[in-house]
Amino acid sequence: MSSATVPAICRNRHFKSLITLQDGEIHSSGIKRGRRKSLNGIIDLLIHYCKDYHCTPANCNIIIGYGVIQRSDRLS
C-alpha cells in the first residue's frame, strides 16, 4: 500500500493514528480503531512513559491535544 492510501483507509474506517513528539520529532505510536480504543492507547503510552522514566503525573506537565481546523476557521 502506498503512504497516500493509508490515510484514506483510516478515515473511512474510523481508525485513529497515535502520534508522539520525541526529541523534537513526530513519530507514529500506532493505529487504533474507534475513539475509545484510541483514548485507551494514549493512556497506555502515558503509563509506559511514566514507568520508563520513573515519574508520576504529580511531577509532570501532561498536555493532550486534539483539534481540527475547518475552512471557516482559517485566516484570510
PDB file of N, CA and C in Angstrom:
ATOM      1  N   MET A   1       0.831  -1.176   0.000  1.00  0.00           N
ATOM      2  CA  MET A   1       0.000   0.000   0.000  1.00  0.00           C
ATOM      3  C   MET A   1       0.875   1.239   0.000  1.00  0.00           C
ATOM      4  N   SER A   2       0.509   2.231  -0.733  1.00  0.00           N
ATOM      5  CA  SER A   2       1.275   3.471  -0.732  1.00  0.00           C
ATOM      6  C   SER A   2       0.908   4.297   0.492  1.00  0.00           C
ATOM      7  N   SER A   3       1.785   5.236   0.854  1.00  0.00           N
ATOM      8  CA  SER A   3       1.523   6.065   2.034  1.00  0.00           C
ATOM      9  C   SER A   3       0.314   6.968   1.825  1.00  0.00           C
ATOM     10  N   ALA A   4      -0.013   7.290   0.585  1.00  0.00           N
ATOM     11  CA  ALA A   4      -1.184   8.120   0.310  1.00  0.00           C
ATOM     12  C   ALA A   4      -2.479   7.342   0.514  1.00  0.00           C
ATOM     13  N   THR A   5      -2.430   6.026   0.375  1.00  0.00           N
ATOM     14  CA  THR A   5      -3.620   5.189   0.523  1.00  0.00           C
ATOM     15  C   THR A   5      -3.995   4.989   1.987  1.00  0.00           C
ATOM     16  N   VAL A   6      -3.021   4.878   2.851  1.00  0.00           N
ATOM     17  CA  VAL A   6      -3.284   4.563   4.257  1.00  0.00           C
ATOM     18  C   VAL A   6      -4.179   5.596   4.934  1.00  0.00           C
ATOM     19  N   PRO A   7      -3.914   6.909   4.828  1.00  0.00           N
ATOM     20  CA  PRO A   7      -4.814   7.859   5.487  1.00  0.00           C
ATOM     21  C   PRO A   7      -6.258   7.778   4.989  1.00  0.00           C
ATOM     22  N   ALA A   8      -6.457   7.522   3.685  1.00  0.00           N
ATOM     23  CA  ALA A   8      -7.816   7.416   3.162  1.00  0.00           C
ATOM     24  C   ALA A   8      -8.527   6.217   3.776  1.00  0.00           C
ATOM     25  N   ILE A   9      -7.834   5.112   3.921  1.00  0.00           N
ATOM     26  CA  ILE A   9      -8.424   3.933   4.548  1.00  0.00           C
ATOM     27  C   ILE A   9      -8.744   4.222   6.007  1.00  0.00           C
ATOM     28  N   CYS A  10      -7.834   4.881   6.694  1.00  0.00           N
ATOM     29  CA  CYS A  10      -8.046   5.201   8.108  1.00  0.00           C
ATOM     30  C   CYS A  10      -9.257   6.106   8.300  1.00  0.00           C
ATOM     31  N   ARG A  11      -9.415   7.092   7.453  1.00  0.00           N
ATOM     32  CA  ARG A  11     -10.566   7.997   7.584  1.00  0.00           C
ATOM     33  C   ARG A  11     -11.878   7.263   7.345  1.00  0.00           C
ATOM     34  N   ASN A  12     -11.898   6.381   6.364  1.00  0.00           N
ATOM     35  CA  ASN A  12     -13.136   5.701   6.003  1.00  0.00           C
ATOM     36  C   ASN A  12     -13.556   4.646   7.016  1.00  0.00           C
ATOM     37  N   ARG A  13     -12.641   4.130   7.800  1.00  0.00           N
ATOM     38  CA  ARG A  13     -12.951   3.056   8.738  1.00  0.00           C
ATOM     39  C   ARG A  13     -12.832   3.478  10.187  1.00  0.00           C
ATOM     40  N   HIS A  14     -12.767   4.764  10.458  1.00  0.00           N
ATOM     41  CA  HIS A  14     -12.721   5.314  11.811  1.00  0.00           C
ATOM     42  C   HIS A  14     -11.475   4.892  12.578  1.00  0.00           C
ATOM     43  N   PHE A  15     -10.348   4.764  11.869  1.00  0.00           N
ATOM     44  CA  PHE A  15      -9.085   4.488  12.529  1.00  0.00           C
ATOM     45  C   PHE A  15      -8.510   5.796  13.042  1.00  0.00           C
ATOM     46  N   LYS A  16      -7.842   5.735  14.158  1.00  0.00           N
ATOM     47  CA  LYS A  16      -7.186   6.903  14.733  1.00  0.00           C
ATOM     48  C   LYS A  16      -5.703   6.600  14.834  1.00  0.00           C
ATOM     49  N   SER A  17      -4.887   7.476  14.297  1.00  0.00           N
ATOM     50  CA  SER A  17      -3.449   7.274  14.420  1.00  0.00           C
ATOM     51  C   SER A  17      -2.973   7.950  15.698  1.00  0.00           C
ATOM     52  N   LEU A  18      -2.080   7.279  16.410  1.00  0.00           N
ATOM     53  CA  LEU A  18      -1.494   7.826  17.617  1.00  0.00           C
ATOM     54  C   LEU A  18      -0.115   8.349  17.258  1.00  0.00           C
ATOM     55  N   ILE A  19       0.130   9.626  17.529  1.00  0.00           N
ATOM     56  CA  ILE A  19       1.433  10.195  17.239  1.00  0.00           C
ATOM     57  C   ILE A  19       2.020  10.750  18.525  1.00  0.00           C
ATOM     58  N   THR A  20       3.336  10.717  18.608  1.00  0.00           N
ATOM     59  CA  THR A  20       4.036  11.254  19.772  1.00  0.00           C
ATOM     60  C   THR A  20       5.157  12.164  19.292  1.00  0.00           C
ATOM     61  N   LEU A  21       5.505  13.114  20.134  1.00  0.00           N
ATOM     62  CA  LEU A  21       6.618  14.006  19.880  1.00  0.00           C
ATOM     63  C   LEU A  21       7.759  13.553  20.776  1.00  0.00           C
ATOM     64  N   GLN A  22       8.868  13.147  20.159  1.00  0.00           N
ATOM     65  CA  GLN A  22      10.004  12.626  20.908  1.00  0.00           C
ATOM     66  C   GLN A  22      11.274  13.246  20.352  1.00  0.00           C
ATOM     67  N   ASP A  23      12.024  13.914  21.206  1.00  0.00           N
ATOM     68  CA  ASP A  23      13.275  14.570  20.796  1.00  0.00           C
ATOM     69  C   ASP A  23      13.049  15.524  19.629  1.00  0.00           C
ATOM     70  N   GLY A  24      11.931  16.238  19.639  1.00  0.00           N
ATOM     71  CA  GLY A  24      11.640  17.213  18.605  1.00  0.00           C
ATOM     72  C   GLY A  24      11.146  16.632  17.290  1.00  0.00           C
ATOM     73  N   GLU A  25      10.912  15.324  17.238  1.00  0.00           N
ATOM     74  CA  GLU A  25      10.427  14.685  16.016  1.00  0.00           C
ATOM     75  C   GLU A  25       9.096  13.997  16.278  1.00  0.00           C
ATOM     76  N   ILE A  26       8.247  13.976  15.262  1.00  0.00           N
ATOM     77  CA  ILE A  26       6.950  13.313  15.372  1.00  0.00           C
ATOM     78  C   ILE A  26       7.101  11.863  14.945  1.00  0.00           C
ATOM     79  N   HIS A  27       6.587  10.946  15.762  1.00  0.00           N
ATOM     80  CA  HIS A  27       6.675   9.513  15.495  1.00  0.00           C
ATOM     81  C   HIS A  27       5.291   8.884  15.558  1.00  0.00           C
ATOM     82  N   SER A  28       5.084   7.844  14.777  1.00  0.00           N
ATOM     83  CA  SER A  28       3.851   7.074  14.852  1.00  0.00           C
ATOM     84  C   SER A  28       3.943   6.124  16.041  1.00  0.00           C
ATOM     85  N   SER A  29       2.904   6.110  16.854  1.00  0.00           N
ATOM     86  CA  SER A  29       2.871   5.221  18.018  1.00  0.00           C
ATOM     87  C   SER A  29       1.782   4.175  17.891  1.00  0.00           C
ATOM     88  N   GLY A  30       1.217   4.044  16.712  1.00  0.00           N
ATOM     89  CA  GLY A  30       0.220   3.012  16.487  1.00  0.00           C
ATOM     90  C   GLY A  30      -1.041   3.551  15.853  1.00  0.00           C
ATOM     91  N   ILE A  31      -1.912   2.640  15.525  1.00  0.00           N
ATOM     92  CA  ILE A  31      -3.218   2.964  14.942  1.00  0.00           C
ATOM     93  C   ILE A  31      -4.267   2.185  15.723  1.00  0.00           C
ATOM     94  N   LYS A  32      -5.323   2.870  16.110  1.00  0.00           N
ATOM     95  CA  LYS A  32      -6.424   2.240  16.844  1.00  0.00           C
ATOM     96  C   LYS A  32      -7.713   2.478  16.077  1.00  0.00           C
ATOM     97  N   ARG A  33      -8.648   1.569  16.239  1.00  0.00           N
ATOM     98  CA  ARG A  33      -9.950   1.719  15.590  1.00  0.00           C
ATOM     99  C   ARG A  33     -10.950   2.196  16.616  1.00  0.00           C
ATOM    100  N   GLY A  34     -11.489   3.388  16.408  1.00  0.00           N
ATOM    101  CA  GLY A  34     -12.502   3.944  17.290  1.00  0.00           C
ATOM    102  C   GLY A  34     -11.931   4.884  18.335  1.00  0.00           C
ATOM    103  N   ARG A  35     -12.768   5.779  18.792  1.00  0.00           N
ATOM    104  CA  ARG A  35     -12.356   6.803  19.749  1.00  0.00           C
ATOM    105  C   ARG A  35     -11.955   6.208  21.095  1.00  0.00           C
ATOM    106  N   ARG A  36     -12.750   5.304  21.618  1.00  0.00           N
ATOM    107  CA  ARG A  36     -12.465   4.714  22.934  1.00  0.00           C
ATOM    108  C   ARG A  36     -11.133   3.962  22.920  1.00  0.00           C
ATOM    109  N   LYS A  37     -10.878   3.182  21.875  1.00  0.00           N
ATOM    110  CA  LYS A  37      -9.618   2.442  21.791  1.00  0.00           C
ATOM    111  C   LYS A  37      -8.430   3.384  21.628  1.00  0.00           C
ATOM    112  N   SER A  38      -8.624   4.480  20.905  1.00  0.00           N
ATOM    113  CA  SER A  38      -7.523   5.430  20.755  1.00  0.00           C
ATOM    114  C   SER A  38      -7.231   6.133  22.085  1.00  0.00           C
ATOM    115  N   LEU A  39      -8.255   6.467  22.846  1.00  0.00           N
ATOM    116  CA  LEU A  39      -8.036   7.067  24.167  1.00  0.00           C
ATOM    117  C   LEU A  39      -7.332   6.085  25.108  1.00  0.00           C
ATOM    118  N   ASN A  40      -7.724   4.817  25.042  1.00  0.00           N
ATOM    119  CA  ASN A  40      -7.038   3.798  25.843  1.00  0.00           C
ATOM    120  C   ASN A  40      -5.581   3.656  25.406  1.00  0.00           C
ATOM    121  N   GLY A  41      -5.326   3.776  24.126  1.00  0.00           N
ATOM    122  CA  GLY A  41      -3.956   3.719  23.619  1.00  0.00           C
ATOM    123  C   GLY A  41      -3.106   4.865  24.140  1.00  0.00           C
ATOM    124  N   ILE A  42      -3.694   6.058  24.216  1.00  0.00           N
ATOM    125  CA  ILE A  42      -2.989   7.219  24.765  1.00  0.00           C
ATOM    126  C   ILE A  42      -2.654   6.989  26.237  1.00  0.00           C
ATOM    127  N   ILE A  43      -3.600   6.459  26.974  1.00  0.00           N
ATOM    128  CA  ILE A  43      -3.368   6.172  28.391  1.00  0.00           C
ATOM    129  C   ILE A  43      -2.257   5.139  28.552  1.00  0.00           C
ATOM    130  N   ASP A  44      -2.264   4.107  27.723  1.00  0.00           N
ATOM    131  CA  ASP A  44      -1.205   3.090  27.768  1.00  0.00           C
ATOM    132  C   ASP A  44       0.167   3.708  27.482  1.00  0.00           C
ATOM    133  N   LEU A  45       0.241   4.598  26.480  1.00  0.00           N
ATOM    134  CA  LEU A  45       1.505   5.269  26.175  1.00  0.00           C
ATOM    135  C   LEU A  45       1.986   6.094  27.363  1.00  0.00           C
ATOM    136  N   LEU A  46       1.067   6.790  28.020  1.00  0.00           N
ATOM    137  CA  LEU A  46       1.428   7.605  29.185  1.00  0.00           C
ATOM    138  C   LEU A  46       1.934   6.732  30.331  1.00  0.00           C
ATOM    139  N   ILE A  47       1.277   5.628  30.587  1.00  0.00           N
ATOM    140  CA  ILE A  47       1.691   4.722  31.665  1.00  0.00           C
ATOM    141  C   ILE A  47       3.090   4.163  31.382  1.00  0.00           C
ATOM    142  N   HIS A  48       3.321   3.729  30.148  1.00  0.00           N
ATOM    143  CA  HIS A  48       4.640   3.192  29.794  1.00  0.00           C
ATOM    144  C   HIS A  48       5.719   4.261  29.916  1.00  0.00           C
ATOM    145  N   TYR A  49       5.410   5.483  29.498  1.00  0.00           N
ATOM    146  CA  TYR A  49       6.375   6.580  29.608  1.00  0.00           C
ATOM    147  C   TYR A  49       6.734   6.834  31.071  1.00  0.00           C
ATOM    148  N   CYS A  50       5.717   6.913  31.928  1.00  0.00           N
ATOM    149  CA  CYS A  50       5.961   7.166  33.350  1.00  0.00           C
ATOM    150  C   CYS A  50       6.798   6.057  33.980  1.00  0.00           C
ATOM    151  N   LYS A  51       6.534   4.817  33.615  1.00  0.00           N
ATOM    152  CA  LYS A  51       7.324   3.698  34.144  1.00  0.00           C
ATOM    153  C   LYS A  51       8.762   3.750  33.631  1.00  0.00           C
ATOM    154  N   ASP A  52       8.945   4.027  32.346  1.00  0.00           N
ATOM    155  CA  ASP A  52      10.290   4.060  31.760  1.00  0.00           C
ATOM    156  C   ASP A  52      11.159   5.163  32.362  1.00  0.00           C
ATOM    157  N   TYR A  53      10.548   6.312  32.680  1.00  0.00           N
ATOM    158  CA  TYR A  53      11.308   7.457  33.179  1.00  0.00           C
ATOM    159  C   TYR A  53      11.130   7.680  34.681  1.00  0.00           C
ATOM    160  N   HIS A  54      10.502   6.724  35.367  1.00  0.00           N
ATOM    161  CA  HIS A  54      10.323   6.761  36.826  1.00  0.00           C
ATOM    162  C   HIS A  54       9.720   8.090  37.288  1.00  0.00           C
ATOM    163  N   CYS A  55       8.624   8.463  36.679  1.00  0.00           N
ATOM    164  CA  CYS A  55       7.952   9.697  37.070  1.00  0.00           C
ATOM    165  C   CYS A  55       6.478   9.412  37.341  1.00  0.00           C
ATOM    166  N   THR A  56       5.857  10.353  38.005  1.00  0.00           N
ATOM    167  CA  THR A  56       4.432  10.259  38.304  1.00  0.00           C
ATOM    168  C   THR A  56       3.728  11.470  37.688  1.00  0.00           C
ATOM    169  N   PRO A  57       2.434  11.408  37.498  1.00  0.00           N
ATOM    170  CA  PRO A  57       1.715  12.575  36.979  1.00  0.00           C
ATOM    171  C   PRO A  57       1.878  13.811  37.868  1.00  0.00           C
ATOM    172  N   ALA A  58       2.170  13.615  39.152  1.00  0.00           N
ATOM    173  CA  ALA A  58       2.340  14.751  40.057  1.00  0.00           C
ATOM    174  C   ALA A  58       3.584  15.576  39.719  1.00  0.00           C
ATOM    175  N   ASN A  59       4.606  14.957  39.134  1.00  0.00           N
ATOM    176  CA  ASN A  59       5.818  15.718  38.804  1.00  0.00           C
ATOM    177  C   ASN A  59       5.999  15.899  37.294  1.00  0.00           C
ATOM    178  N   CYS A  60       4.901  15.879  36.544  1.00  0.00           N
ATOM    179  CA  CYS A  60       4.936  16.068  35.089  1.00  0.00           C
ATOM    180  C   CYS A  60       3.919  17.117  34.667  1.00  0.00           C
ATOM    181  N   ASN A  61       4.175  17.709  33.529  1.00  0.00           N
ATOM    182  CA  ASN A  61       3.175  18.533  32.850  1.00  0.00           C
ATOM    183  C   ASN A  61       2.636  17.694  31.709  1.00  0.00           C
ATOM    184  N   ILE A  62       1.369  17.336  31.760  1.00  0.00           N
ATOM    185  CA  ILE A  62       0.771  16.466  30.757  1.00  0.00           C
ATOM    186  C   ILE A  62      -0.121  17.312  29.861  1.00  0.00           C
ATOM    187  N   ILE A  63       0.156  17.246  28.553  1.00  0.00           N
ATOM    188  CA  ILE A  63      -0.625  18.003  27.579  1.00  0.00           C
ATOM    189  C   ILE A  63      -1.133  17.029  26.536  1.00  0.00           C
ATOM    190  N   ILE A  64      -2.434  16.990  26.355  1.00  0.00           N
ATOM    191  CA  ILE A  64      -3.052  16.150  25.327  1.00  0.00           C
ATOM    192  C   ILE A  64      -3.842  17.083  24.430  1.00  0.00           C
ATOM    193  N   GLY A  65      -3.615  16.990  23.135  1.00  0.00           N
ATOM    194  CA  GLY A  65      -4.280  17.899  22.222  1.00  0.00           C
ATOM    195  C   GLY A  65      -5.100  17.174  21.174  1.00  0.00           C
ATOM    196  N   TYR A  66      -6.123  17.844  20.739  1.00  0.00           N
ATOM    197  CA  TYR A  66      -6.972  17.345  19.661  1.00  0.00           C
ATOM    198  C   TYR A  66      -7.522  18.568  18.964  1.00  0.00           C
ATOM    199  N   GLY A  67      -7.572  18.535  17.684  1.00  0.00           N
ATOM    200  CA  GLY A  67      -8.148  19.680  17.006  1.00  0.00           C
ATOM    201  C   GLY A  67      -8.295  19.454  15.526  1.00  0.00           C
ATOM    202  N   VAL A  68      -9.251  20.148  14.972  1.00  0.00           N
ATOM    203  CA  VAL A  68      -9.497  20.120  13.541  1.00  0.00           C
ATOM    204  C   VAL A  68      -9.709  21.555  13.108  1.00  0.00           C
ATOM    205  N   ILE A  69      -8.986  21.974  12.105  1.00  0.00           N
ATOM    206  CA  ILE A  69      -9.177  23.316  11.568  1.00  0.00           C
ATOM    207  C   ILE A  69     -10.101  23.207  10.371  1.00  0.00           C
ATOM    208  N   GLN A  70     -11.222  23.877  10.464  1.00  0.00           N
ATOM    209  CA  GLN A  70     -12.163  23.878   9.345  1.00  0.00           C
ATOM    210  C   GLN A  70     -11.879  25.088   8.471  1.00  0.00           C
ATOM    211  N   ARG A  71     -12.309  25.024   7.246  1.00  0.00           N
ATOM    212  CA  ARG A  71     -12.048  26.119   6.301  1.00  0.00           C
ATOM    213  C   ARG A  71     -12.524  27.465   6.831  1.00  0.00           C
ATOM    214  N   SER A  72     -13.638  27.495   7.531  1.00  0.00           N
ATOM    215  CA  SER A  72     -14.169  28.766   8.044  1.00  0.00           C
ATOM    216  C   SER A  72     -13.302  29.328   9.166  1.00  0.00           C
ATOM    217  N   ASP A  73     -12.442  28.484   9.783  1.00  0.00           N
ATOM    218  CA  ASP A  73     -11.590  28.925  10.883  1.00  0.00           C
ATOM    219  C   ASP A  73     -10.273  29.522  10.395  1.00  0.00           C
ATOM    220  N   ARG A  74      -9.925  29.359   9.128  1.00  0.00           N
ATOM    221  CA  ARG A  74      -8.661  29.844   8.605  1.00  0.00           C
ATOM    222  C   ARG A  74      -8.659  31.362   8.479  1.00  0.00           C
ATOM    223  N   LEU A  75      -7.488  31.919   8.654  1.00  0.00           N
ATOM    224  CA  LEU A  75      -7.339  33.366   8.441  1.00  0.00           C
ATOM    225  C   LEU A  75      -7.245  33.647   6.955  1.00  0.00           C
ATOM    226  N   SER A  76      -7.788  34.754   6.525  1.00  0.00           N
ATOM    227  CA  SER A  76      -7.730  35.114   5.103  1.00  0.00           C
ATOM    228  C   SER A  76      -6.400  35.700   4.746  1.00  0.00           C
TER     229      SER A  76
END
